[in-house]
N, C-alpha and C. Protein backbone atom coordinates (compact mmCIF):
# COMPACT_ATOMS: atom_id res chain seq x y z
N MET A 1 10.52 39.16 -69.41
CA MET A 1 11.38 38.09 -69.31
C MET A 1 11.42 37.31 -70.60
N PRO A 2 12.72 36.63 -70.83
CA PRO A 2 12.83 35.72 -72.09
C PRO A 2 12.41 34.42 -71.79
N PHE A 3 12.15 33.96 -70.73
CA PHE A 3 11.86 32.57 -70.41
C PHE A 3 10.88 32.58 -69.39
N ASP A 4 9.89 31.55 -69.45
CA ASP A 4 8.99 31.34 -68.38
C ASP A 4 9.51 30.49 -67.12
N GLN A 5 10.32 29.45 -67.43
CA GLN A 5 10.68 28.60 -66.40
C GLN A 5 12.03 28.23 -66.72
N GLN A 6 12.69 27.41 -65.76
CA GLN A 6 14.11 26.97 -66.02
C GLN A 6 14.26 25.55 -65.25
N ILE A 7 14.77 24.62 -65.96
CA ILE A 7 15.09 23.35 -65.52
C ILE A 7 16.63 22.98 -65.76
N THR A 8 17.05 22.43 -64.56
CA THR A 8 18.52 21.85 -64.78
C THR A 8 18.37 20.30 -64.69
N PHE A 9 18.84 19.69 -65.68
CA PHE A 9 18.76 18.23 -65.75
C PHE A 9 20.02 17.47 -65.45
N LEU A 10 19.90 16.66 -64.49
CA LEU A 10 21.20 15.97 -64.04
C LEU A 10 20.99 14.45 -64.28
N TYR A 11 21.99 13.73 -64.87
CA TYR A 11 21.96 12.41 -64.94
C TYR A 11 22.21 11.65 -63.59
N THR A 12 21.52 10.54 -63.26
CA THR A 12 21.69 9.89 -62.06
C THR A 12 21.99 8.40 -62.31
N SER A 13 22.92 7.81 -61.53
CA SER A 13 23.19 6.46 -61.69
C SER A 13 22.22 5.54 -61.09
N ASP A 14 21.27 6.15 -60.26
CA ASP A 14 20.29 5.40 -59.26
C ASP A 14 19.20 6.35 -59.05
N LEU A 15 18.16 6.23 -60.06
CA LEU A 15 17.12 7.14 -59.91
C LEU A 15 16.39 7.07 -58.58
N ASP A 16 16.15 5.99 -57.96
CA ASP A 16 15.55 5.94 -56.63
C ASP A 16 16.30 6.55 -55.70
N ARG A 17 17.70 6.38 -55.57
CA ARG A 17 18.53 7.04 -54.59
C ARG A 17 18.50 8.54 -54.80
N GLY A 18 18.60 8.96 -56.01
CA GLY A 18 18.48 10.39 -56.30
C GLY A 18 17.21 11.06 -55.90
N ALA A 19 16.12 10.22 -56.09
CA ALA A 19 14.93 10.78 -55.63
C ALA A 19 14.77 10.96 -54.19
N ARG A 20 15.26 9.98 -53.52
CA ARG A 20 15.23 9.99 -51.98
C ARG A 20 15.98 11.38 -51.44
N PHE A 21 17.23 11.58 -52.14
CA PHE A 21 17.95 12.70 -51.82
C PHE A 21 17.35 14.00 -52.00
N TYR A 22 16.73 14.15 -53.26
CA TYR A 22 16.26 15.37 -53.75
C TYR A 22 14.99 15.58 -53.10
N GLY A 23 14.04 14.52 -52.99
CA GLY A 23 12.77 14.58 -52.24
C GLY A 23 12.67 14.46 -50.98
N GLU A 24 13.41 13.67 -50.20
CA GLU A 24 13.39 13.54 -48.80
C GLU A 24 14.53 14.53 -48.15
N THR A 25 15.67 14.35 -48.55
CA THR A 25 16.68 14.96 -47.73
C THR A 25 16.63 16.56 -48.00
N LEU A 26 16.23 16.97 -49.39
CA LEU A 26 16.33 18.27 -49.60
C LEU A 26 14.83 18.85 -49.45
N GLY A 27 13.91 17.93 -49.55
CA GLY A 27 12.59 18.19 -49.22
C GLY A 27 12.04 19.03 -50.55
N LEU A 28 12.44 18.65 -51.68
CA LEU A 28 11.94 19.31 -52.84
C LEU A 28 10.53 18.58 -53.17
N GLU A 29 9.61 19.33 -53.86
CA GLU A 29 8.35 18.78 -54.39
C GLU A 29 8.60 18.17 -55.72
N LEU A 30 8.12 16.96 -55.79
CA LEU A 30 8.12 16.16 -57.07
C LEU A 30 6.96 16.74 -57.80
N VAL A 31 7.24 17.34 -59.07
CA VAL A 31 6.25 17.89 -59.73
C VAL A 31 5.84 16.96 -61.07
N LEU A 32 6.73 16.26 -61.58
CA LEU A 32 6.52 15.32 -62.77
C LEU A 32 7.36 13.99 -62.63
N VAL A 33 6.67 13.00 -62.93
CA VAL A 33 7.44 11.83 -63.09
C VAL A 33 7.34 11.37 -64.66
N GLN A 34 8.27 11.35 -65.39
CA GLN A 34 8.31 10.80 -66.71
C GLN A 34 8.73 9.32 -66.92
N GLU A 35 7.93 8.71 -67.30
CA GLU A 35 8.04 7.17 -67.54
C GLU A 35 9.42 6.78 -68.23
N ALA A 36 9.84 7.62 -69.00
CA ALA A 36 10.99 7.40 -69.67
C ALA A 36 12.22 7.33 -68.77
N GLY A 37 12.10 7.88 -67.56
CA GLY A 37 13.15 7.77 -66.64
C GLY A 37 13.55 9.01 -66.01
N CYS A 38 12.66 10.05 -66.07
CA CYS A 38 13.12 11.34 -65.28
C CYS A 38 12.13 11.66 -64.27
N ARG A 39 12.55 12.42 -63.31
CA ARG A 39 11.67 13.06 -62.16
C ARG A 39 12.17 14.42 -62.06
N ILE A 40 11.27 15.33 -61.96
CA ILE A 40 11.38 16.61 -61.94
C ILE A 40 10.82 17.29 -60.62
N TYR A 41 11.78 17.91 -60.03
CA TYR A 41 11.48 18.64 -58.53
C TYR A 41 11.39 20.05 -58.63
N ARG A 42 10.69 20.84 -57.95
CA ARG A 42 10.55 22.16 -57.91
C ARG A 42 11.61 22.77 -57.03
N THR A 43 12.41 23.77 -57.38
CA THR A 43 13.40 24.41 -56.47
C THR A 43 12.91 25.83 -56.06
N GLY A 44 11.96 26.31 -56.87
CA GLY A 44 11.40 27.66 -56.71
C GLY A 44 10.15 27.76 -57.47
N PRO A 45 9.63 28.99 -57.33
CA PRO A 45 8.28 29.20 -58.03
C PRO A 45 8.27 28.91 -59.59
N SER A 46 9.41 28.98 -60.36
CA SER A 46 9.38 28.60 -61.78
C SER A 46 10.88 28.12 -62.15
N SER A 47 11.42 27.50 -61.12
CA SER A 47 12.71 26.83 -61.41
C SER A 47 12.75 25.36 -60.87
N PHE A 48 13.45 24.37 -61.51
CA PHE A 48 13.19 23.02 -61.27
C PHE A 48 14.60 22.28 -61.40
N VAL A 49 14.79 21.08 -60.89
CA VAL A 49 15.91 20.21 -61.32
C VAL A 49 15.36 18.83 -61.61
N GLY A 50 15.94 18.27 -62.68
CA GLY A 50 15.35 17.03 -63.01
C GLY A 50 16.42 15.91 -62.93
N LEU A 51 15.95 14.84 -62.50
CA LEU A 51 16.97 13.70 -62.48
C LEU A 51 16.56 12.82 -63.60
N CYS A 52 17.52 12.36 -64.14
CA CYS A 52 17.27 11.35 -65.32
C CYS A 52 18.24 10.22 -65.38
N LYS A 53 17.68 9.03 -65.82
CA LYS A 53 18.53 7.94 -66.07
C LYS A 53 19.25 8.29 -67.26
N PRO A 54 20.53 7.89 -67.33
CA PRO A 54 21.46 8.20 -68.56
C PRO A 54 20.73 7.39 -69.64
N ARG A 55 20.81 7.84 -71.01
CA ARG A 55 20.38 7.36 -71.98
C ARG A 55 21.50 7.37 -73.07
N ASP A 56 21.38 6.32 -74.05
CA ASP A 56 22.42 6.25 -75.24
C ASP A 56 23.75 6.16 -74.65
N GLY A 57 24.08 5.47 -73.52
CA GLY A 57 25.30 5.29 -73.07
C GLY A 57 26.07 6.27 -72.28
N ARG A 58 25.23 7.30 -72.05
CA ARG A 58 25.72 8.49 -71.22
C ARG A 58 25.95 7.90 -69.89
N THR A 59 26.76 8.75 -69.10
CA THR A 59 27.01 8.47 -67.66
C THR A 59 27.00 9.93 -66.88
N PRO A 60 26.70 9.86 -65.54
CA PRO A 60 26.72 11.13 -65.01
C PRO A 60 28.05 11.75 -65.08
N GLU A 61 28.12 12.93 -65.46
CA GLU A 61 29.35 13.74 -65.51
C GLU A 61 29.31 14.95 -64.65
N THR A 62 29.85 14.79 -63.41
CA THR A 62 29.70 15.79 -62.40
C THR A 62 30.73 17.01 -62.36
N GLY A 63 31.69 17.06 -63.24
CA GLY A 63 32.61 18.12 -63.27
C GLY A 63 31.98 19.38 -63.90
N GLY A 64 32.32 20.55 -63.48
CA GLY A 64 31.88 21.71 -64.08
C GLY A 64 30.41 22.10 -63.90
N VAL A 65 29.73 21.36 -63.03
CA VAL A 65 28.27 21.74 -62.73
C VAL A 65 28.21 22.00 -61.09
N ILE A 66 27.60 23.18 -60.91
CA ILE A 66 27.20 23.44 -59.49
C ILE A 66 25.78 23.79 -59.54
N LEU A 67 24.90 23.10 -58.84
CA LEU A 67 23.47 23.45 -58.52
C LEU A 67 23.50 24.39 -57.42
N CYS A 68 23.11 25.55 -57.62
CA CYS A 68 23.06 26.58 -56.45
C CYS A 68 21.61 26.75 -56.08
N LEU A 69 21.27 26.64 -54.87
CA LEU A 69 20.02 26.85 -54.33
C LEU A 69 20.04 28.05 -53.44
N VAL A 70 19.26 29.11 -53.51
CA VAL A 70 19.56 30.43 -52.81
C VAL A 70 18.22 30.39 -51.86
N THR A 71 18.66 30.83 -50.56
CA THR A 71 17.98 31.03 -49.43
C THR A 71 18.42 31.94 -48.43
N ASP A 72 17.67 32.39 -47.76
CA ASP A 72 18.16 33.50 -46.75
C ASP A 72 18.83 32.83 -45.46
N ASP A 73 18.28 31.47 -45.24
CA ASP A 73 18.92 30.68 -44.06
C ASP A 73 19.73 29.61 -44.47
N VAL A 74 21.10 30.03 -44.77
CA VAL A 74 22.08 28.94 -45.10
C VAL A 74 22.35 28.08 -43.78
N ASP A 75 22.40 28.69 -42.75
CA ASP A 75 22.64 27.95 -41.45
C ASP A 75 21.82 26.82 -41.23
N ALA A 76 20.60 27.21 -41.31
CA ALA A 76 19.52 26.13 -40.99
C ALA A 76 19.58 24.92 -42.01
N TRP A 77 20.01 25.21 -43.20
CA TRP A 77 20.01 24.22 -44.29
C TRP A 77 21.20 23.40 -43.95
N ALA A 78 22.29 24.11 -43.61
CA ALA A 78 23.52 23.24 -43.32
C ALA A 78 23.29 22.20 -42.02
N ARG A 79 22.49 22.75 -41.03
CA ARG A 79 22.21 21.90 -39.84
C ARG A 79 21.35 20.85 -40.43
N LYS A 80 20.39 21.00 -41.21
CA LYS A 80 19.35 20.06 -41.50
C LYS A 80 20.19 18.92 -42.46
N LEU A 81 21.09 19.40 -43.42
CA LEU A 81 21.94 18.38 -44.16
C LEU A 81 22.74 17.45 -43.25
N GLU A 82 23.41 18.13 -42.42
CA GLU A 82 24.33 17.34 -41.47
C GLU A 82 23.51 16.37 -40.59
N ALA A 83 22.29 16.75 -40.19
CA ALA A 83 21.48 15.84 -39.45
C ALA A 83 21.01 14.64 -40.26
N ALA A 84 20.89 14.96 -41.57
CA ALA A 84 20.51 13.75 -42.46
C ALA A 84 21.62 12.97 -42.96
N GLY A 85 22.80 13.37 -42.36
CA GLY A 85 24.15 12.51 -42.71
C GLY A 85 24.84 12.94 -43.85
N VAL A 86 24.53 14.29 -44.51
CA VAL A 86 25.12 14.83 -45.54
C VAL A 86 26.43 15.36 -44.98
N THR A 87 27.69 15.21 -45.68
CA THR A 87 28.83 15.86 -45.38
C THR A 87 28.93 17.17 -46.03
N LEU A 88 29.13 18.15 -45.23
CA LEU A 88 29.41 19.43 -45.97
C LEU A 88 30.83 19.55 -46.52
N GLU A 89 31.12 19.70 -47.70
CA GLU A 89 32.62 19.92 -48.19
C GLU A 89 33.02 21.29 -47.76
N LYS A 90 32.17 22.28 -47.57
CA LYS A 90 32.47 23.53 -47.17
C LYS A 90 31.46 23.97 -46.25
N PRO A 91 31.74 24.18 -45.04
CA PRO A 91 30.71 24.69 -43.93
C PRO A 91 30.37 26.11 -44.44
N PRO A 92 29.18 26.73 -43.90
CA PRO A 92 28.80 27.96 -44.11
C PRO A 92 29.83 29.05 -43.76
N GLN A 93 30.05 29.89 -44.70
CA GLN A 93 31.16 30.96 -44.54
C GLN A 93 30.87 32.04 -45.62
N ARG A 94 31.28 33.29 -45.31
CA ARG A 94 31.31 34.31 -46.28
C ARG A 94 32.28 34.16 -47.17
N HIS A 95 31.95 34.65 -48.60
CA HIS A 95 32.93 34.82 -49.60
C HIS A 95 32.82 36.37 -50.07
N SER A 96 33.76 37.05 -49.57
CA SER A 96 33.74 38.52 -49.73
C SER A 96 33.83 38.83 -51.14
N ASP A 97 34.66 38.01 -52.18
CA ASP A 97 34.67 38.49 -53.45
C ASP A 97 33.41 38.55 -54.29
N PHE A 98 32.44 37.60 -53.67
CA PHE A 98 31.10 37.77 -54.27
C PHE A 98 30.00 38.04 -53.49
N ALA A 99 30.34 38.70 -52.33
CA ALA A 99 29.30 39.27 -51.50
C ALA A 99 28.15 38.03 -51.03
N ILE A 100 28.57 36.84 -50.85
CA ILE A 100 27.54 35.73 -50.50
C ILE A 100 28.08 35.18 -49.18
N TYR A 101 27.09 34.36 -48.70
CA TYR A 101 27.19 33.51 -47.59
C TYR A 101 26.73 32.20 -48.04
N HIS A 102 27.65 31.04 -47.91
CA HIS A 102 27.34 29.80 -48.72
C HIS A 102 28.00 28.56 -47.89
N CYS A 103 27.46 27.52 -48.54
CA CYS A 103 28.11 26.21 -48.10
C CYS A 103 27.99 25.25 -49.36
N PHE A 104 28.76 24.22 -49.35
CA PHE A 104 28.87 23.20 -50.47
C PHE A 104 28.77 21.82 -49.88
N PHE A 105 28.02 20.86 -50.68
CA PHE A 105 27.95 19.44 -50.51
C PHE A 105 27.74 18.74 -51.77
N ARG A 106 27.68 17.47 -51.66
CA ARG A 106 27.52 16.74 -52.95
C ARG A 106 26.32 15.83 -52.88
N ASP A 107 25.57 15.65 -53.94
CA ASP A 107 24.37 14.71 -54.04
C ASP A 107 25.17 13.31 -54.10
N PRO A 108 24.15 12.27 -54.11
CA PRO A 108 24.75 10.79 -54.18
C PRO A 108 25.51 10.60 -55.43
N ASP A 109 25.31 11.22 -56.52
CA ASP A 109 26.09 11.01 -57.71
C ASP A 109 27.28 11.90 -57.84
N GLY A 110 27.54 12.63 -57.01
CA GLY A 110 28.83 13.53 -56.79
C GLY A 110 28.67 14.99 -57.42
N TYR A 111 27.33 15.31 -57.71
CA TYR A 111 27.26 16.55 -58.22
C TYR A 111 27.54 17.44 -57.07
N LEU A 112 28.11 18.69 -57.37
CA LEU A 112 28.48 19.68 -56.37
C LEU A 112 27.09 20.64 -56.20
N LEU A 113 26.68 20.64 -54.94
CA LEU A 113 25.50 21.57 -54.75
C LEU A 113 25.98 22.74 -53.79
N GLU A 114 25.40 23.88 -53.92
CA GLU A 114 25.69 25.12 -53.11
C GLU A 114 24.30 25.61 -52.58
N ILE A 115 24.33 25.88 -51.34
CA ILE A 115 23.28 26.65 -50.84
C ILE A 115 23.95 28.18 -50.54
N GLN A 116 23.31 29.09 -50.99
CA GLN A 116 23.77 30.47 -50.71
C GLN A 116 22.65 31.49 -50.59
N ARG A 117 23.25 32.69 -49.72
CA ARG A 117 22.46 33.75 -49.68
C ARG A 117 23.40 35.00 -50.36
N PHE A 118 22.82 35.71 -50.95
CA PHE A 118 23.38 36.94 -51.66
C PHE A 118 23.19 37.99 -50.60
N GLU A 119 24.44 38.62 -50.38
CA GLU A 119 24.45 39.81 -49.44
C GLU A 119 24.82 41.01 -50.23
N ASP A 120 24.44 41.06 -51.45
CA ASP A 120 24.63 42.19 -52.43
C ASP A 120 23.06 42.64 -52.68
N ASP A 121 22.94 43.93 -52.42
CA ASP A 121 21.59 44.53 -52.46
C ASP A 121 21.14 44.54 -53.78
N ALA A 122 22.08 44.51 -54.89
CA ALA A 122 21.77 44.36 -56.27
C ALA A 122 21.06 43.11 -56.75
N TRP A 123 21.09 41.88 -55.82
CA TRP A 123 20.55 40.68 -56.31
C TRP A 123 18.98 40.86 -56.21
N PRO A 124 18.28 40.38 -57.23
CA PRO A 124 16.91 40.52 -57.19
C PRO A 124 16.26 39.42 -56.26
N LYS A 125 15.55 39.95 -55.34
CA LYS A 125 14.71 39.04 -54.37
C LYS A 125 13.46 38.57 -54.95
N GLY A 126 13.19 37.28 -54.76
CA GLY A 126 11.71 36.63 -55.19
C GLY A 126 11.42 36.77 -56.56
C-alpha cells in the first residue's frame, strides 16, 4: 500500500457545532484535538475526517467535496440521521450506473455527505 492512513480535512465556521454533528450525530470517535483549532475523528480503521477552524482568512468552501462513508446498512443510517433531525437530500436508493445503494445529506457547514454501499463484487471489503 502506498499510504498508511487517510484524512480528509474540512473547514468549519463553528468548531463546536461541527464537533457535535460528527461526534454525536454521526457517532464518530474523536481521536485527536489539536489546540490550533482542529478535531480529528475516525471514520474507519485507518481513515479520518478532520474539522478545522479556517486560518489565514479562509472560509468553508463546500462545492466539489463529497465525504462518502461506506457501510452495508445505508437504511439504518438514513433512519438514524432523520431521527436526529438531519434532512436527507436524497433518500436511500440504487444508482445502477455505479452499482451502489446510497443517500445524501449535508453537515452544518453545507458539505455534502454520502452514505453508500457498493453492490459491485469488485469493491474491496474491509
